[in-house]
C-alpha atoms as a PDB file:
ATOM      1  CA  MET A   1      26.562  65.342  72.009  1.00  0.00           C
ATOM      2  CA  THR A   2      29.621  66.716  70.241  1.00  0.00           C
ATOM      3  CA  SER A   3      27.722  69.727  68.912  1.00  0.00           C
ATOM      4  CA  ASN A   4      26.483  70.541  72.428  1.00  0.00           C
ATOM      5  CA  LEU A   5      30.021  70.393  73.801  1.00  0.00           C
ATOM      6  CA  ASN A   6      31.269  72.643  71.008  1.00  0.00           C
ATOM      7  CA  SER A   7      28.481  75.131  71.664  1.00  0.00           C
ATOM      8  CA  LYS A   8      29.350  75.288  75.366  1.00  0.00           C
ATOM      9  CA  ARG A   9      33.005  75.796  74.543  1.00  0.00           C
ATOM     10  CA  ILE A  10      32.142  78.685  72.207  1.00  0.00           C
ATOM     11  CA  VAL A  11      30.014  80.372  74.885  1.00  0.00           C
ATOM     12  CA  LYS A  12      32.762  80.075  77.501  1.00  0.00           C
ATOM     13  CA  LEU A  13      35.402  81.565  75.208  1.00  0.00           C
ATOM     14  CA  THR A  14      33.442  84.580  73.980  1.00  0.00           C
ATOM     15  CA  ILE A  15      32.770  87.980  75.510  1.00  0.00           C
ATOM     16  CA  ALA A  16      29.754  89.772  74.038  1.00  0.00           C
ATOM     17  CA  THR A  17      30.035  87.618  70.851  1.00  0.00           C
ATOM     18  CA  TRP A  18      33.762  88.414  70.559  1.00  0.00           C
ATOM     19  CA  PRO A  19      36.135  85.406  70.708  1.00  0.00           C
ATOM     20  CA  LEU A  20      38.361  85.621  73.787  1.00  0.00           C
ATOM     21  CA  SER A  21      41.564  85.832  71.718  1.00  0.00           C
ATOM     22  CA  CYS A  22      40.219  88.892  69.910  1.00  0.00           C
ATOM     23  CA  VAL A  23      39.324  90.580  73.209  1.00  0.00           C
ATOM     24  CA  ILE A  24      42.821  89.840  74.522  1.00  0.00           C
ATOM     25  CA  GLY A  25      44.349  91.224  71.318  1.00  0.00           C
ATOM     26  CA  ILE A  26      42.459  94.528  71.674  1.00  0.00           C
ATOM     27  CA  LEU A  27      43.457  94.639  75.357  1.00  0.00           C
ATOM     28  CA  ILE A  28      47.138  94.262  74.411  1.00  0.00           C
ATOM     29  CA  VAL A  29      46.952  97.249  72.058  1.00  0.00           C
ATOM     30  CA  LEU A  30      45.100  99.373  74.644  1.00  0.00           C
ATOM     31  CA  ILE A  31      47.610  98.542  77.392  1.00  0.00           C
ATOM     32  CA  ASN A  32      50.526  99.342  75.089  1.00  0.00           C
ATOM     33  CA  TYR A  33      49.252 102.753  74.026  1.00  0.00           C
ATOM     34  CA  ILE A  34      47.877 103.861  77.400  1.00  0.00           C
ATOM     35  CA  SER A  35      51.211 103.019  79.046  1.00  0.00           C
ATOM     36  CA  LEU A  36      53.073 104.624  76.125  1.00  0.00           C
ATOM     37  CA  PHE A  37      51.268 107.957  76.528  1.00  0.00           C
ATOM     38  CA  ILE A  38      51.677 107.877  80.320  1.00  0.00           C
ATOM     39  CA  SER A  39      55.400 107.113  79.937  1.00  0.00           C
ATOM     40  CA  ILE A  40      55.808 109.966  77.455  1.00  0.00           C
ATOM     41  CA  ALA A  41      53.994 112.333  79.851  1.00  0.00           C
ATOM     42  CA  LEU A  42      56.397 111.325  82.648  1.00  0.00           C
ATOM     43  CA  ALA A  43      59.520 111.489  80.457  1.00  0.00           C
ATOM     44  CA  PRO A  44      61.751 114.577  80.655  1.00  0.00           C
ATOM     45  CA  PRO A  45      60.742 117.108  77.979  1.00  0.00           C
ATOM     46  CA  PRO A  46      61.127 117.510  75.138  1.00  0.00           C
ATOM     47  CA  PHE A  47      60.337 113.948  74.030  1.00  0.00           C
ATOM     48  CA  SER A  48      59.827 113.370  70.305  1.00  0.00           C
ATOM     49  CA  PRO A  49      59.587 110.316  68.003  1.00  0.00           C
ATOM     50  CA  LEU A  50      61.930 112.250  65.721  1.00  0.00           C
ATOM     51  CA  GLN A  51      64.643 112.342  68.368  1.00  0.00           C
ATOM     52  CA  ASN A  52      63.923 109.602  70.914  1.00  0.00           C
ATOM     53  CA  TYR A  53      63.584 105.845  70.604  1.00  0.00           C
ATOM     54  CA  MET A  54      60.410 104.318  71.997  1.00  0.00           C
ATOM     55  CA  SER A  55      62.571 101.938  74.030  1.00  0.00           C
ATOM     56  CA  SER A  56      64.211 104.867  75.799  1.00  0.00           C
ATOM     57  CA  LEU A  57      60.957 105.283  77.727  1.00  0.00           C
ATOM     58  CA  GLY A  58      61.937 102.098  79.568  1.00  0.00           C
ATOM     59  CA  ASN A  59      65.354 103.458  80.531  1.00  0.00           C
ATOM     60  CA  SER A  60      65.231 104.233  84.257  1.00  0.00           C
ATOM     61  CA  THR A  61      68.126 106.692  83.982  1.00  0.00           C
ATOM     62  CA  TYR A  62      66.464 108.693  81.215  1.00  0.00           C
ATOM     63  CA  ASN A  63      62.869 108.249  82.415  1.00  0.00           C
ATOM     64  CA  PRO A  64      63.006 107.466  86.158  1.00  0.00           C
ATOM     65  CA  ASN A  65      59.280 108.106  86.715  1.00  0.00           C
ATOM     66  CA  GLY A  66      57.854 106.373  83.661  1.00  0.00           C
ATOM     67  CA  ALA A  67      60.235 103.467  82.997  1.00  0.00           C
ATOM     68  CA  ILE A  68      58.493 101.049  85.336  1.00  0.00           C
ATOM     69  CA  ILE A  69      55.145 101.742  83.601  1.00  0.00           C
ATOM     70  CA  TYR A  70      56.574 101.212  80.132  1.00  0.00           C
ATOM     71  CA  ASN A  71      58.529  98.062  81.026  1.00  0.00           C
ATOM     72  CA  GLY A  72      55.623  96.697  83.079  1.00  0.00           C
ATOM     73  CA  SER A  73      53.248  97.059  80.122  1.00  0.00           C
ATOM     74  CA  VAL A  74      55.692  95.180  77.869  1.00  0.00           C
ATOM     75  CA  ILE A  75      55.896  92.298  80.352  1.00  0.00           C
ATOM     76  CA  VAL A  76      52.099  92.179  80.810  1.00  0.00           C
ATOM     77  CA  SER A  77      51.594  92.308  77.037  1.00  0.00           C
ATOM     78  CA  GLY A  78      53.993  89.378  76.635  1.00  0.00           C
ATOM     79  CA  PHE A  79      51.897  87.255  79.000  1.00  0.00           C
ATOM     80  CA  LEU A  80      48.696  88.304  77.226  1.00  0.00           C
ATOM     81  CA  PHE A  81      50.216  87.404  73.838  1.00  0.00           C
ATOM     82  CA  LEU A  82      50.662  83.884  75.214  1.00  0.00           C
ATOM     83  CA  PHE A  83      46.901  83.562  75.807  1.00  0.00           C
ATOM     84  CA  PHE A  84      46.102  85.247  72.485  1.00  0.00           C
ATOM     85  CA  PHE A  85      48.074  82.737  70.440  1.00  0.00           C
ATOM     86  CA  ILE A  86      46.985  79.693  72.453  1.00  0.00           C
ATOM     87  CA  GLY A  87      43.381  80.821  71.937  1.00  0.00           C
ATOM     88  CA  LEU A  88      43.695  80.539  68.162  1.00  0.00           C
ATOM     89  CA  PHE A  89      42.578  76.919  68.538  1.00  0.00           C
ATOM     90  CA  GLN A  90      39.051  78.397  68.326  1.00  0.00           C
ATOM     91  CA  TRP A  91      39.631  78.711  64.572  1.00  0.00           C
ATOM     92  CA  TYR A  92      40.661  75.078  64.060  1.00  0.00           C
ATOM     93  CA  SER A  93      38.654  73.373  61.331  1.00  0.00           C
ATOM     94  CA  ASP A  94      38.630  70.070  59.476  1.00  0.00           C
ATOM     95  CA  ARG A  95      40.821  71.577  56.761  1.00  0.00           C
ATOM     96  CA  LYS A  96      44.298  70.143  57.369  1.00  0.00           C
ATOM     97  CA  ARG A  97      46.194  72.998  55.697  1.00  0.00           C
ATOM     98  CA  ASP A  98      44.417  75.613  57.809  1.00  0.00           C
ATOM     99  CA  LYS A  99      45.150  73.730  61.022  1.00  0.00           C
ATOM    100  CA  ILE A 100      48.840  73.379  60.110  1.00  0.00           C
ATOM    101  CA  ILE A 101      49.097  77.142  59.518  1.00  0.00           C
ATOM    102  CA  LEU A 102      47.364  77.911  62.814  1.00  0.00           C
ATOM    103  CA  VAL A 103      49.531  75.471  64.772  1.00  0.00           C
ATOM    104  CA  ALA A 104      52.655  77.002  63.187  1.00  0.00           C
ATOM    105  CA  THR A 105      51.328  80.445  64.157  1.00  0.00           C
ATOM    106  CA  GLN A 106      50.761  79.276  67.723  1.00  0.00           C
ATOM    107  CA  ILE A 107      54.270  77.830  68.047  1.00  0.00           C
ATOM    108  CA  VAL A 108      55.886  81.010  66.733  1.00  0.00           C
ATOM    109  CA  GLY A 109      53.462  83.129  68.768  1.00  0.00           C
ATOM    110  CA  VAL A 110      54.190  81.371  72.069  1.00  0.00           C
ATOM    111  CA  LEU A 111      57.925  81.890  71.476  1.00  0.00           C
ATOM    112  CA  LEU A 112      57.220  85.532  70.566  1.00  0.00           C
ATOM    113  CA  ALA A 113      55.265  86.028  73.796  1.00  0.00           C
ATOM    114  CA  PHE A 114      58.197  84.742  75.846  1.00  0.00           C
ATOM    115  CA  ILE A 115      60.744  86.837  73.922  1.00  0.00           C
ATOM    116  CA  PHE A 116      58.547  89.954  74.084  1.00  0.00           C
ATOM    117  CA  THR A 117      58.430  89.582  77.860  1.00  0.00           C
ATOM    118  CA  LEU A 118      62.237  89.437  77.934  1.00  0.00           C
ATOM    119  CA  THR A 119      62.439  92.838  76.183  1.00  0.00           C
ATOM    120  CA  GLY A 120      60.594  94.226  79.213  1.00  0.00           C
ATOM    121  CA  PHE A 121      62.706  92.412  81.792  1.00  0.00           C
ATOM    122  CA  TYR A 122      65.857  93.425  79.926  1.00  0.00           C
ATOM    123  CA  SER A 123      64.921  97.050  79.382  1.00  0.00           C
ATOM    124  CA  GLU A 124      67.227  99.643  77.844  1.00  0.00           C
ATOM    125  CA  ASP A 125      69.046  99.679  81.196  1.00  0.00           C
ATOM    126  CA  PHE A 126      70.572  96.407  79.950  1.00  0.00           C
ATOM    127  CA  LYS A 127      71.262  97.647  76.442  1.00  0.00           C
ATOM    128  CA  PRO A 128      73.128  94.666  74.849  1.00  0.00           C
ATOM    129  CA  GLN A 129      70.473  92.187  76.048  1.00  0.00           C
ATOM    130  CA  HIS A 130      67.634  94.567  75.161  1.00  0.00           C
ATOM    131  CA  VAL A 131      68.903  95.105  71.616  1.00  0.00           C
ATOM    132  CA  PHE A 132      69.392  91.354  71.109  1.00  0.00           C
ATOM    133  CA  TRP A 133      65.936  90.340  72.369  1.00  0.00           C
ATOM    134  CA  SER A 134      64.288  93.241  70.504  1.00  0.00           C
ATOM    135  CA  ILE A 135      65.785  92.019  67.218  1.00  0.00           C
ATOM    136  CA  VAL A 136      64.695  88.431  67.935  1.00  0.00           C
ATOM    137  CA  ALA A 137      61.202  89.672  68.903  1.00  0.00           C
ATOM    138  CA  GLY A 138      61.026  91.602  65.629  1.00  0.00           C
ATOM    139  CA  ILE A 139      61.858  88.470  63.618  1.00  0.00           C
ATOM    140  CA  PHE A 140      59.341  86.273  65.448  1.00  0.00           C
ATOM    141  CA  GLY A 141      56.712  89.035  65.332  1.00  0.00           C
ATOM    142  CA  PHE A 142      57.114  89.295  61.579  1.00  0.00           C
ATOM    143  CA  LEU A 143      56.834  85.506  61.160  1.00  0.00           C
ATOM    144  CA  ALA A 144      53.677  85.414  63.303  1.00  0.00           C
ATOM    145  CA  ASN A 145      52.184  88.212  61.184  1.00  0.00           C
ATOM    146  CA  VAL A 146      53.031  86.377  57.955  1.00  0.00           C
ATOM    147  CA  PHE A 147      51.388  83.153  59.179  1.00  0.00           C
ATOM    148  CA  MET A 148      48.257  84.967  60.396  1.00  0.00           C
ATOM    149  CA  ALA A 149      47.984  87.049  57.225  1.00  0.00           C
ATOM    150  CA  PHE A 150      48.340  83.935  55.051  1.00  0.00           C
ATOM    151  CA  TYR A 151      45.725  82.065  57.078  1.00  0.00           C
ATOM    152  CA  LEU A 152      43.259  84.949  56.828  1.00  0.00           C
ATOM    153  CA  ILE A 153      43.730  85.584  53.124  1.00  0.00           C
ATOM    154  CA  ILE A 154      42.918  81.957  52.178  1.00  0.00           C
ATOM    155  CA  GLN A 155      39.740  81.773  54.271  1.00  0.00           C
ATOM    156  CA  LYS A 156      36.572  82.083  52.204  1.00  0.00           C
ATOM    157  CA  GLU A 157      34.790  83.741  55.164  1.00  0.00           C
ATOM    158  CA  SER A 158      37.388  86.485  55.600  1.00  0.00           C
ATOM    159  CA  ILE A 159      36.889  90.123  54.630  1.00  0.00           C
ATOM    160  CA  LYS A 160      39.142  90.121  51.590  1.00  0.00           C
ATOM    161  CA  THR A 161      39.622  93.893  51.542  1.00  0.00           C
ATOM    162  CA  ILE A 162      41.137  93.761  55.018  1.00  0.00           C
ATOM    163  CA  SER A 163      43.283  90.739  54.160  1.00  0.00           C
ATOM    164  CA  TYR A 164      44.750  92.413  51.079  1.00  0.00           C
ATOM    165  CA  PHE A 165      45.314  95.654  52.974  1.00  0.00           C
ATOM    166  CA  VAL A 166      47.184  93.759  55.719  1.00  0.00           C
ATOM    167  CA  VAL A 167      49.474  92.126  53.152  1.00  0.00           C
ATOM    168  CA  GLY A 168      50.025  95.461  51.392  1.00  0.00           C
ATOM    169  CA  PHE A 169      50.743  97.229  54.665  1.00  0.00           C
ATOM    170  CA  MET A 170      53.271  94.555  55.641  1.00  0.00           C
ATOM    171  CA  GLY A 171      54.970  95.131  52.299  1.00  0.00           C
ATOM    172  CA  PHE A 172      55.039  98.866  53.059  1.00  0.00           C
ATOM    173  CA  TYR A 173      56.956  98.582  56.287  1.00  0.00           C
ATOM    174  CA  ILE A 174      59.335  95.986  54.850  1.00  0.00           C
ATOM    175  CA  ILE A 175      60.204  98.498  52.130  1.00  0.00           C
ATOM    176  CA  PHE A 176      60.413 101.192  54.808  1.00  0.00           C
ATOM    177  CA  LEU A 177      63.084  99.131  56.605  1.00  0.00           C
ATOM    178  CA  PHE A 178      65.171  99.188  53.429  1.00  0.00           C
ATOM    179  CA  ILE A 179      64.760 102.961  53.062  1.00  0.00           C
ATOM    180  CA  LEU A 180      65.658 103.784  56.673  1.00  0.00           C
ATOM    181  CA  SER A 181      68.393 102.127  58.676  1.00  0.00           C
ATOM    182  CA  PRO A 182      67.142  99.830  61.483  1.00  0.00           C
ATOM    183  CA  GLN A 183      69.111 102.106  63.831  1.00  0.00           C
ATOM    184  CA  HIS A 184      67.171 105.195  62.725  1.00  0.00           C
ATOM    185  CA  VAL A 185      64.967 106.667  65.479  1.00  0.00           C
ATOM    186  CA  LEU A 186      61.834 106.708  63.298  1.00  0.00           C
ATOM    187  CA  THR A 187      62.167 103.044  62.296  1.00  0.00           C
ATOM    188  CA  GLU A 188      61.063 101.668  65.670  1.00  0.00           C
ATOM    189  CA  TRP A 189      58.049 103.998  65.828  1.00  0.00           C
ATOM    190  CA  VAL A 190      56.854 103.323  62.275  1.00  0.00           C
ATOM    191  CA  VAL A 191      57.308  99.536  62.414  1.00  0.00           C
ATOM    192  CA  ARG A 192      55.625  99.237  65.846  1.00  0.00           C
ATOM    193  CA  THR A 193      52.709 101.481  64.828  1.00  0.00           C
ATOM    194  CA  ALA A 194      52.246  99.761  61.467  1.00  0.00           C
ATOM    195  CA  GLY A 195      52.406  96.374  63.191  1.00  0.00           C
ATOM    196  CA  ASP A 196      49.715  97.409  65.682  1.00  0.00           C
ATOM    197  CA  ILE A 197      47.413  98.660  62.904  1.00  0.00           C
ATOM    198  CA  ASN A 198      47.853  95.343  61.095  1.00  0.00           C
ATOM    199  CA  PHE A 199      47.233  93.443  64.326  1.00  0.00           C
ATOM    200  CA  ILE A 200      43.931  95.242  64.908  1.00  0.00           C
ATOM    201  CA  LEU A 201      42.814  94.605  61.326  1.00  0.00           C
ATOM    202  CA  MET A 202      43.656  90.905  61.651  1.00  0.00           C
ATOM    203  CA  ILE A 203      41.720  90.726  64.931  1.00  0.00           C
ATOM    204  CA  ILE A 204      38.666  92.212  63.164  1.00  0.00           C
ATOM    205  CA  ASN A 205      39.013  89.594  60.423  1.00  0.00           C
ATOM    206  CA  PHE A 206      39.448  86.725  62.911  1.00  0.00           C
ATOM    207  CA  LYS A 207      36.302  87.916  64.701  1.00  0.00           C
ATOM    208  CA  HIS A 208      34.375  88.077  61.416  1.00  0.00           C
ATOM    209  CA  ILE A 209      35.416  84.548  60.394  1.00  0.00           C
ATOM    210  CA  TYR A 210      34.536  83.181  63.827  1.00  0.00           C
ATOM    211  CA  GLN A 211      31.078  84.756  63.829  1.00  0.00           C
ATOM    212  CA  VAL A 212      30.285  83.643  60.275  1.00  0.00           C
ATOM    213  CA  ARG A 213      31.234  80.051  61.127  1.00  0.00           C
ATOM    214  CA  ASN A 214      29.371  80.149  64.414  1.00  0.00           C
ATOM    215  CA  LYS A 215      26.242  81.435  62.668  1.00  0.00           C
ATOM    216  CA  LEU A 216      26.527  78.666  60.084  1.00  0.00           C
ATOM    217  CA  LYS A 217      26.819  76.040  62.856  1.00  0.00           C
ATOM    218  CA  LEU A 218      23.701  77.381  64.545  1.00  0.00           C
ATOM    219  CA  GLU A 219      21.771  77.290  61.241  1.00  0.00           C
ATOM    220  CA  ILE A 220      22.847  73.680  60.623  1.00  0.00           C
ATOM    221  CA  HIS A 221      21.849  72.545  64.110  1.00  0.00           C
END
């Protein structure tokens, strides 16, 4: 009876064999970059990552036509992050250590989702609040990445090459933060882009682990 219930739950929370959390994760990245390019297209020229902060796209004084798109995508992404992290329960197993790591990830992730949303509500039009919540979001985002990377690297079903690359890439942008000042224009672009690349790679690894385990369950039953 339990195995039947588990099977039904897996079917309901997958889209074309992809776990729902993974689909949501890809959707977050797509929304972010589509809105980013639209906001850049609507921003007053010339706009350049070498001269302009990404956050300035959400400033209604600087970018009156594109700010609402940029800020709206941040708020939507925050809500989607909430469902992404809650959905990690699909990877719960009988291994106590793994479950503890995932629960810790979910707690940090839910807080991150809320804080990320606040960076959209408090756009660059409210600079002191925006800077504060952006820093807090960066801290919680890094912690969530560390927890997810650690979980993935200790799973026997994970693609180890991806796991090691994720850890190495995280090390790269930590070092990058020491080379460039956090206030440097390029810092925001590099850290956000590197974080998104890592996020996609982790999603691929989560999907792989889920499918391997699901296949094993089907073989057993």
